[in-house]
Amino acid sequence: MALTQEVAEALEQLAESFPEAAVTHREDGTGGAFVKVEPLPMGGRFNVRFSWIGFHLVYSYPEAQVYPHFCVPALTMNDGTALRSEDGFQQTNWGPDGDTEPVTQLSRSSRNWDPDIDTAAAKLHRILDWLRG
């Protein structure tokens, strides 16, 4: 099944919103897509200065929240301190069935999520603000 119009539009918005990054995707076969945006600056708190950030835009986007997000595996603080799950981080695997990869999960749910306002691009900006905070 081809991308839904809303998912295709979200990919265009991401490219416009992050002009210094490449927005790539892999269709999931149900109208959605697994998306990566890279490179994105992570700020000075982590063991990497730049990373990709990925997420799954499901076929029902924008009615379904874009959550969770993912980045390079083994992300740590600059001093080597492991990131804690209670702070929204977890080491796991992510990607399309049969093609997963190790990642760091970034769990930032939007409690007052509104499909008319909370676009994939807006959510990614909030994730980056949180990481750089």
N, C-alpha and C. Protein backbone atom coordinates (compact mmCIF):
# COMPACT_ATOMS: atom_id res chain seq x y z
N MET A 1 0.85 -1.18 0.00
CA MET A 1 0.00 0.00 0.00
C MET A 1 0.89 1.25 0.00
N ALA A 2 0.58 2.21 -0.83
CA ALA A 2 1.35 3.45 -0.93
C ALA A 2 1.17 4.29 0.33
N LEU A 3 2.07 5.25 0.52
CA LEU A 3 1.97 6.16 1.65
C LEU A 3 0.63 6.89 1.61
N THR A 4 0.05 7.11 2.78
CA THR A 4 -1.14 7.95 2.83
C THR A 4 -0.74 9.38 2.49
N GLN A 5 -1.69 10.16 2.06
CA GLN A 5 -1.41 11.56 1.73
C GLN A 5 -0.85 12.31 2.94
N GLU A 6 -1.38 12.03 4.12
CA GLU A 6 -0.93 12.71 5.33
C GLU A 6 0.51 12.36 5.68
N VAL A 7 0.88 11.10 5.51
CA VAL A 7 2.27 10.70 5.78
C VAL A 7 3.20 11.33 4.75
N ALA A 8 2.81 11.34 3.48
CA ALA A 8 3.62 11.98 2.45
C ALA A 8 3.80 13.47 2.74
N GLU A 9 2.74 14.13 3.18
CA GLU A 9 2.83 15.55 3.53
C GLU A 9 3.74 15.76 4.74
N ALA A 10 3.69 14.86 5.71
CA ALA A 10 4.56 14.96 6.88
C ALA A 10 6.03 14.85 6.46
N LEU A 11 6.33 13.99 5.52
CA LEU A 11 7.70 13.85 5.04
C LEU A 11 8.16 15.15 4.37
N GLU A 12 7.29 15.78 3.61
CA GLU A 12 7.61 17.07 2.99
C GLU A 12 7.84 18.15 4.05
N GLN A 13 6.98 18.18 5.07
CA GLN A 13 7.13 19.16 6.15
C GLN A 13 8.44 18.95 6.90
N LEU A 14 8.82 17.71 7.12
CA LEU A 14 10.08 17.43 7.80
C LEU A 14 11.26 17.95 6.98
N ALA A 15 11.24 17.72 5.68
CA ALA A 15 12.33 18.19 4.81
C ALA A 15 12.40 19.71 4.83
N GLU A 16 11.27 20.38 4.84
CA GLU A 16 11.25 21.84 4.90
C GLU A 16 11.70 22.36 6.26
N SER A 17 11.34 21.66 7.30
CA SER A 17 11.63 22.10 8.66
C SER A 17 13.08 21.83 9.08
N PHE A 18 13.72 20.86 8.42
CA PHE A 18 15.11 20.49 8.73
C PHE A 18 15.92 20.52 7.44
N PRO A 19 16.14 21.72 6.87
CA PRO A 19 16.79 21.82 5.56
C PRO A 19 18.25 21.37 5.57
N GLU A 20 18.90 21.35 6.72
CA GLU A 20 20.30 20.93 6.79
C GLU A 20 20.44 19.41 6.94
N ALA A 21 19.33 18.72 7.03
CA ALA A 21 19.35 17.27 7.25
C ALA A 21 18.70 16.54 6.07
N ALA A 22 19.02 15.27 5.96
CA ALA A 22 18.37 14.40 4.98
C ALA A 22 17.20 13.69 5.67
N VAL A 23 16.07 13.68 5.02
CA VAL A 23 14.91 12.96 5.53
C VAL A 23 14.72 11.74 4.63
N THR A 24 14.94 10.57 5.19
CA THR A 24 14.77 9.34 4.43
C THR A 24 13.66 8.52 5.07
N HIS A 25 13.07 7.65 4.28
CA HIS A 25 12.01 6.81 4.83
C HIS A 25 11.97 5.47 4.12
N ARG A 26 11.34 4.56 4.80
CA ARG A 26 11.08 3.22 4.24
C ARG A 26 9.61 2.93 4.49
N GLU A 27 8.86 2.71 3.44
CA GLU A 27 7.43 2.44 3.57
C GLU A 27 7.21 1.17 4.39
N ASP A 28 6.15 1.19 5.21
CA ASP A 28 5.87 0.04 6.05
C ASP A 28 4.86 -0.93 5.44
N GLY A 29 4.32 -0.60 4.26
CA GLY A 29 3.38 -1.49 3.58
C GLY A 29 1.93 -1.28 3.97
N THR A 30 1.68 -0.40 4.95
CA THR A 30 0.31 -0.14 5.38
C THR A 30 -0.08 1.32 5.20
N GLY A 31 0.74 2.10 4.51
CA GLY A 31 0.47 3.51 4.31
C GLY A 31 1.34 4.42 5.16
N GLY A 32 2.09 3.83 6.07
CA GLY A 32 2.99 4.59 6.93
C GLY A 32 4.43 4.44 6.49
N ALA A 33 5.34 4.97 7.31
CA ALA A 33 6.76 4.91 6.96
C ALA A 33 7.63 4.97 8.20
N PHE A 34 8.74 4.26 8.14
CA PHE A 34 9.82 4.39 9.12
C PHE A 34 10.71 5.52 8.61
N VAL A 35 10.93 6.54 9.43
CA VAL A 35 11.59 7.77 9.00
C VAL A 35 12.88 7.98 9.79
N LYS A 36 13.91 8.49 9.10
CA LYS A 36 15.14 8.94 9.74
C LYS A 36 15.46 10.34 9.24
N VAL A 37 15.87 11.20 10.17
CA VAL A 37 16.31 12.55 9.85
C VAL A 37 17.74 12.67 10.36
N GLU A 38 18.69 13.03 9.45
CA GLU A 38 20.09 13.09 9.86
C GLU A 38 20.92 13.96 8.94
N PRO A 39 21.97 14.53 9.48
CA PRO A 39 22.38 14.56 10.89
C PRO A 39 21.68 15.69 11.62
N LEU A 40 21.46 15.47 12.91
CA LEU A 40 20.86 16.48 13.77
C LEU A 40 21.80 16.73 14.95
N PRO A 41 22.05 17.99 15.30
CA PRO A 41 22.93 18.29 16.44
C PRO A 41 22.26 17.91 17.75
N MET A 42 23.01 17.21 18.59
CA MET A 42 22.48 16.71 19.86
C MET A 42 22.76 17.64 21.04
N GLY A 43 23.55 18.67 20.83
CA GLY A 43 23.92 19.51 21.96
C GLY A 43 25.17 18.97 22.61
N GLY A 44 25.57 19.56 23.72
CA GLY A 44 26.83 19.20 24.35
C GLY A 44 26.76 18.22 25.49
N ARG A 45 25.61 17.65 25.78
CA ARG A 45 25.46 16.78 26.95
C ARG A 45 25.86 15.33 26.72
N PHE A 46 25.94 14.91 25.46
CA PHE A 46 26.06 13.48 25.16
C PHE A 46 27.40 13.10 24.53
N ASN A 47 27.64 11.80 24.44
CA ASN A 47 28.88 11.27 23.88
C ASN A 47 28.98 11.43 22.37
N VAL A 48 27.92 11.88 21.73
CA VAL A 48 27.93 12.17 20.30
C VAL A 48 27.42 13.59 20.09
N ARG A 49 27.98 14.29 19.13
CA ARG A 49 27.53 15.65 18.84
C ARG A 49 26.39 15.67 17.84
N PHE A 50 26.35 14.66 16.97
CA PHE A 50 25.30 14.56 15.95
C PHE A 50 24.75 13.14 15.94
N SER A 51 23.49 13.01 15.58
CA SER A 51 22.86 11.70 15.46
C SER A 51 21.75 11.79 14.43
N TRP A 52 21.30 10.64 14.00
CA TRP A 52 20.03 10.57 13.30
C TRP A 52 18.95 10.43 14.36
N ILE A 53 17.75 10.82 14.03
CA ILE A 53 16.60 10.55 14.88
C ILE A 53 15.54 9.93 13.99
N GLY A 54 14.99 8.82 14.47
CA GLY A 54 14.00 8.08 13.69
C GLY A 54 12.71 7.90 14.45
N PHE A 55 11.68 7.59 13.71
CA PHE A 55 10.35 7.34 14.27
C PHE A 55 9.49 6.69 13.21
N HIS A 56 8.36 6.18 13.64
CA HIS A 56 7.44 5.51 12.73
C HIS A 56 6.20 6.39 12.56
N LEU A 57 5.96 6.82 11.34
CA LEU A 57 4.70 7.50 11.02
C LEU A 57 3.73 6.41 10.60
N VAL A 58 2.75 6.13 11.43
CA VAL A 58 1.80 5.06 11.12
C VAL A 58 0.74 5.56 10.15
N TYR A 59 0.04 4.64 9.52
CA TYR A 59 -0.94 4.96 8.48
C TYR A 59 -2.01 5.93 8.97
N SER A 60 -2.30 5.94 10.27
CA SER A 60 -3.36 6.79 10.80
C SER A 60 -2.87 8.18 11.21
N TYR A 61 -1.59 8.49 10.94
CA TYR A 61 -1.08 9.83 11.19
C TYR A 61 -1.92 10.82 10.39
N PRO A 62 -2.32 11.94 10.93
CA PRO A 62 -1.94 12.57 12.19
C PRO A 62 -2.83 12.21 13.37
N GLU A 63 -3.74 11.28 13.19
CA GLU A 63 -4.61 10.90 14.31
C GLU A 63 -3.87 10.08 15.36
N ALA A 64 -2.71 9.54 15.01
CA ALA A 64 -1.88 8.80 15.96
C ALA A 64 -0.64 9.62 16.28
N GLN A 65 -0.32 9.73 17.54
CA GLN A 65 0.83 10.48 17.99
C GLN A 65 2.14 9.88 17.44
N VAL A 66 3.10 10.73 17.12
CA VAL A 66 4.43 10.27 16.70
C VAL A 66 5.21 9.99 17.98
N TYR A 67 5.39 8.71 18.27
CA TYR A 67 5.99 8.29 19.55
C TYR A 67 6.29 6.81 19.48
N PRO A 68 7.41 6.35 19.99
CA PRO A 68 8.57 7.08 20.49
C PRO A 68 9.51 7.46 19.35
N HIS A 69 10.61 8.10 19.72
CA HIS A 69 11.67 8.45 18.78
C HIS A 69 12.91 7.63 19.13
N PHE A 70 13.85 7.55 18.20
CA PHE A 70 15.05 6.73 18.37
C PHE A 70 16.26 7.46 17.83
N CYS A 71 17.44 7.10 18.35
CA CYS A 71 18.69 7.67 17.83
C CYS A 71 19.79 6.61 17.94
N VAL A 72 21.03 7.06 17.76
CA VAL A 72 22.16 6.13 17.75
C VAL A 72 22.16 5.24 19.00
N PRO A 73 22.65 4.02 18.87
CA PRO A 73 22.72 3.14 20.04
C PRO A 73 23.80 3.60 21.01
N ALA A 74 23.67 3.14 22.23
CA ALA A 74 24.68 3.36 23.28
C ALA A 74 24.91 4.83 23.58
N LEU A 75 23.87 5.65 23.45
CA LEU A 75 23.98 7.06 23.83
C LEU A 75 24.22 7.15 25.33
N THR A 76 25.19 7.95 25.72
CA THR A 76 25.50 8.17 27.14
C THR A 76 25.72 9.66 27.37
N MET A 77 25.83 10.03 28.62
CA MET A 77 26.23 11.39 28.96
C MET A 77 27.72 11.52 28.62
N ASN A 78 28.19 12.75 28.52
CA ASN A 78 29.60 13.00 28.18
C ASN A 78 30.58 12.28 29.10
N ASP A 79 30.23 12.15 30.37
CA ASP A 79 31.14 11.50 31.32
C ASP A 79 31.02 9.98 31.31
N GLY A 80 30.23 9.43 30.38
CA GLY A 80 30.07 7.99 30.26
C GLY A 80 28.92 7.43 31.08
N THR A 81 28.23 8.27 31.82
CA THR A 81 27.11 7.81 32.62
C THR A 81 25.99 7.31 31.71
N ALA A 82 25.49 6.12 32.03
CA ALA A 82 24.39 5.55 31.25
C ALA A 82 23.12 6.37 31.46
N LEU A 83 22.31 6.44 30.45
CA LEU A 83 21.04 7.13 30.54
C LEU A 83 20.02 6.21 31.20
N ARG A 84 19.11 6.79 31.96
CA ARG A 84 18.18 6.00 32.76
C ARG A 84 16.79 5.94 32.13
N SER A 85 16.16 4.80 32.28
CA SER A 85 14.81 4.63 31.73
C SER A 85 13.82 5.59 32.37
N GLU A 86 13.99 5.88 33.64
CA GLU A 86 13.06 6.81 34.30
C GLU A 86 13.19 8.24 33.77
N ASP A 87 14.26 8.51 33.04
CA ASP A 87 14.43 9.82 32.39
C ASP A 87 14.00 9.79 30.92
N GLY A 88 13.46 8.66 30.47
CA GLY A 88 12.94 8.57 29.11
C GLY A 88 13.86 7.91 28.10
N PHE A 89 14.90 7.23 28.55
CA PHE A 89 15.86 6.59 27.64
C PHE A 89 15.85 5.08 27.84
N GLN A 90 16.08 4.35 26.77
CA GLN A 90 16.17 2.89 26.84
C GLN A 90 16.94 2.37 25.64
N GLN A 91 17.77 1.37 25.86
CA GLN A 91 18.47 0.70 24.76
C GLN A 91 17.55 -0.42 24.27
N THR A 92 17.31 -0.45 22.96
CA THR A 92 16.39 -1.43 22.39
C THR A 92 16.74 -1.64 20.92
N ASN A 93 15.84 -2.23 20.17
CA ASN A 93 15.98 -2.39 18.72
C ASN A 93 14.79 -1.74 18.05
N TRP A 94 15.00 -1.22 16.85
CA TRP A 94 13.93 -0.52 16.13
C TRP A 94 14.12 -0.68 14.63
N GLY A 95 13.02 -0.63 13.92
CA GLY A 95 13.04 -0.66 12.46
C GLY A 95 11.97 -1.56 11.91
N PRO A 96 11.88 -1.60 10.60
CA PRO A 96 10.88 -2.47 9.97
C PRO A 96 11.14 -3.94 10.31
N ASP A 97 10.08 -4.71 10.34
CA ASP A 97 10.22 -6.14 10.62
C ASP A 97 11.30 -6.76 9.74
N GLY A 98 12.17 -7.52 10.36
CA GLY A 98 13.23 -8.20 9.65
C GLY A 98 14.44 -7.33 9.36
N ASP A 99 14.39 -6.06 9.75
CA ASP A 99 15.51 -5.16 9.49
C ASP A 99 15.68 -4.18 10.65
N THR A 100 15.67 -4.71 11.86
CA THR A 100 15.82 -3.84 13.03
C THR A 100 17.30 -3.59 13.31
N GLU A 101 17.56 -2.56 14.09
CA GLU A 101 18.92 -2.21 14.47
C GLU A 101 18.92 -1.74 15.92
N PRO A 102 20.07 -1.87 16.60
CA PRO A 102 20.17 -1.37 17.97
C PRO A 102 20.03 0.15 17.98
N VAL A 103 19.31 0.67 18.96
CA VAL A 103 19.04 2.11 19.06
C VAL A 103 18.91 2.53 20.52
N THR A 104 18.92 3.83 20.73
CA THR A 104 18.51 4.41 22.01
C THR A 104 17.11 4.97 21.80
N GLN A 105 16.18 4.50 22.59
CA GLN A 105 14.80 4.99 22.50
C GLN A 105 14.67 6.27 23.32
N LEU A 106 13.98 7.26 22.76
CA LEU A 106 13.72 8.53 23.41
C LEU A 106 12.23 8.62 23.65
N SER A 107 11.81 8.42 24.89
CA SER A 107 10.38 8.36 25.20
C SER A 107 9.89 9.71 25.71
N ARG A 108 9.21 10.44 24.85
CA ARG A 108 8.65 11.74 25.20
C ARG A 108 7.24 11.81 24.65
N SER A 109 6.29 11.29 25.40
CA SER A 109 4.90 11.32 24.97
C SER A 109 4.36 12.74 25.14
N SER A 110 3.44 13.13 24.27
CA SER A 110 2.80 14.44 24.36
C SER A 110 1.47 14.27 25.08
N ARG A 111 1.42 14.69 26.32
CA ARG A 111 0.22 14.48 27.13
C ARG A 111 -1.00 15.21 26.56
N ASN A 112 -0.81 16.40 26.08
CA ASN A 112 -1.92 17.19 25.54
C ASN A 112 -1.87 17.21 24.02
N TRP A 113 -1.54 16.08 23.45
CA TRP A 113 -1.36 15.93 22.02
C TRP A 113 -2.62 16.34 21.27
N ASP A 114 -2.42 17.13 20.22
CA ASP A 114 -3.51 17.61 19.38
C ASP A 114 -3.11 17.37 17.92
N PRO A 115 -3.82 16.52 17.19
CA PRO A 115 -3.42 16.20 15.82
C PRO A 115 -3.41 17.40 14.88
N ASP A 116 -4.10 18.48 15.23
CA ASP A 116 -4.10 19.67 14.38
C ASP A 116 -2.85 20.52 14.57
N ILE A 117 -2.17 20.34 15.69
CA ILE A 117 -1.00 21.16 16.02
C ILE A 117 0.29 20.34 16.06
N ASP A 118 0.22 19.15 16.63
CA ASP A 118 1.41 18.34 16.90
C ASP A 118 1.82 17.52 15.69
N THR A 119 2.47 18.19 14.74
CA THR A 119 2.96 17.51 13.54
C THR A 119 4.23 16.73 13.86
N ALA A 120 4.62 15.88 12.95
CA ALA A 120 5.87 15.13 13.12
C ALA A 120 7.05 16.09 13.24
N ALA A 121 7.06 17.16 12.44
CA ALA A 121 8.16 18.13 12.49
C ALA A 121 8.17 18.87 13.81
N ALA A 122 7.00 19.31 14.29
CA ALA A 122 6.94 20.02 15.57
C ALA A 122 7.40 19.12 16.71
N LYS A 123 7.00 17.86 16.68
CA LYS A 123 7.40 16.93 17.73
C LYS A 123 8.91 16.71 17.70
N LEU A 124 9.50 16.60 16.51
CA LEU A 124 10.94 16.41 16.42
C LEU A 124 11.68 17.64 16.96
N HIS A 125 11.18 18.83 16.71
CA HIS A 125 11.79 20.04 17.29
C HIS A 125 11.74 19.97 18.82
N ARG A 126 10.61 19.52 19.38
CA ARG A 126 10.51 19.41 20.85
C ARG A 126 11.47 18.36 21.39
N ILE A 127 11.62 17.25 20.68
CA ILE A 127 12.57 16.21 21.11
C ILE A 127 13.98 16.79 21.14
N LEU A 128 14.35 17.52 20.12
CA LEU A 128 15.69 18.12 20.07
C LEU A 128 15.88 19.15 21.18
N ASP A 129 14.86 19.97 21.45
CA ASP A 129 14.95 20.92 22.56
C ASP A 129 15.17 20.20 23.88
N TRP A 130 14.47 19.10 24.08
CA TRP A 130 14.61 18.30 25.30
C TRP A 130 16.02 17.73 25.40
N LEU A 131 16.54 17.19 24.33
CA LEU A 131 17.88 16.62 24.35
C LEU A 131 18.94 17.69 24.62
N ARG A 132 18.76 18.85 24.06
CA ARG A 132 19.75 19.91 24.20
C ARG A 132 19.62 20.68 25.51
N GLY A 133 18.46 20.47 26.20
CA GLY A 133 18.14 21.20 27.42
C GLY A 133 19.15 21.06 28.46
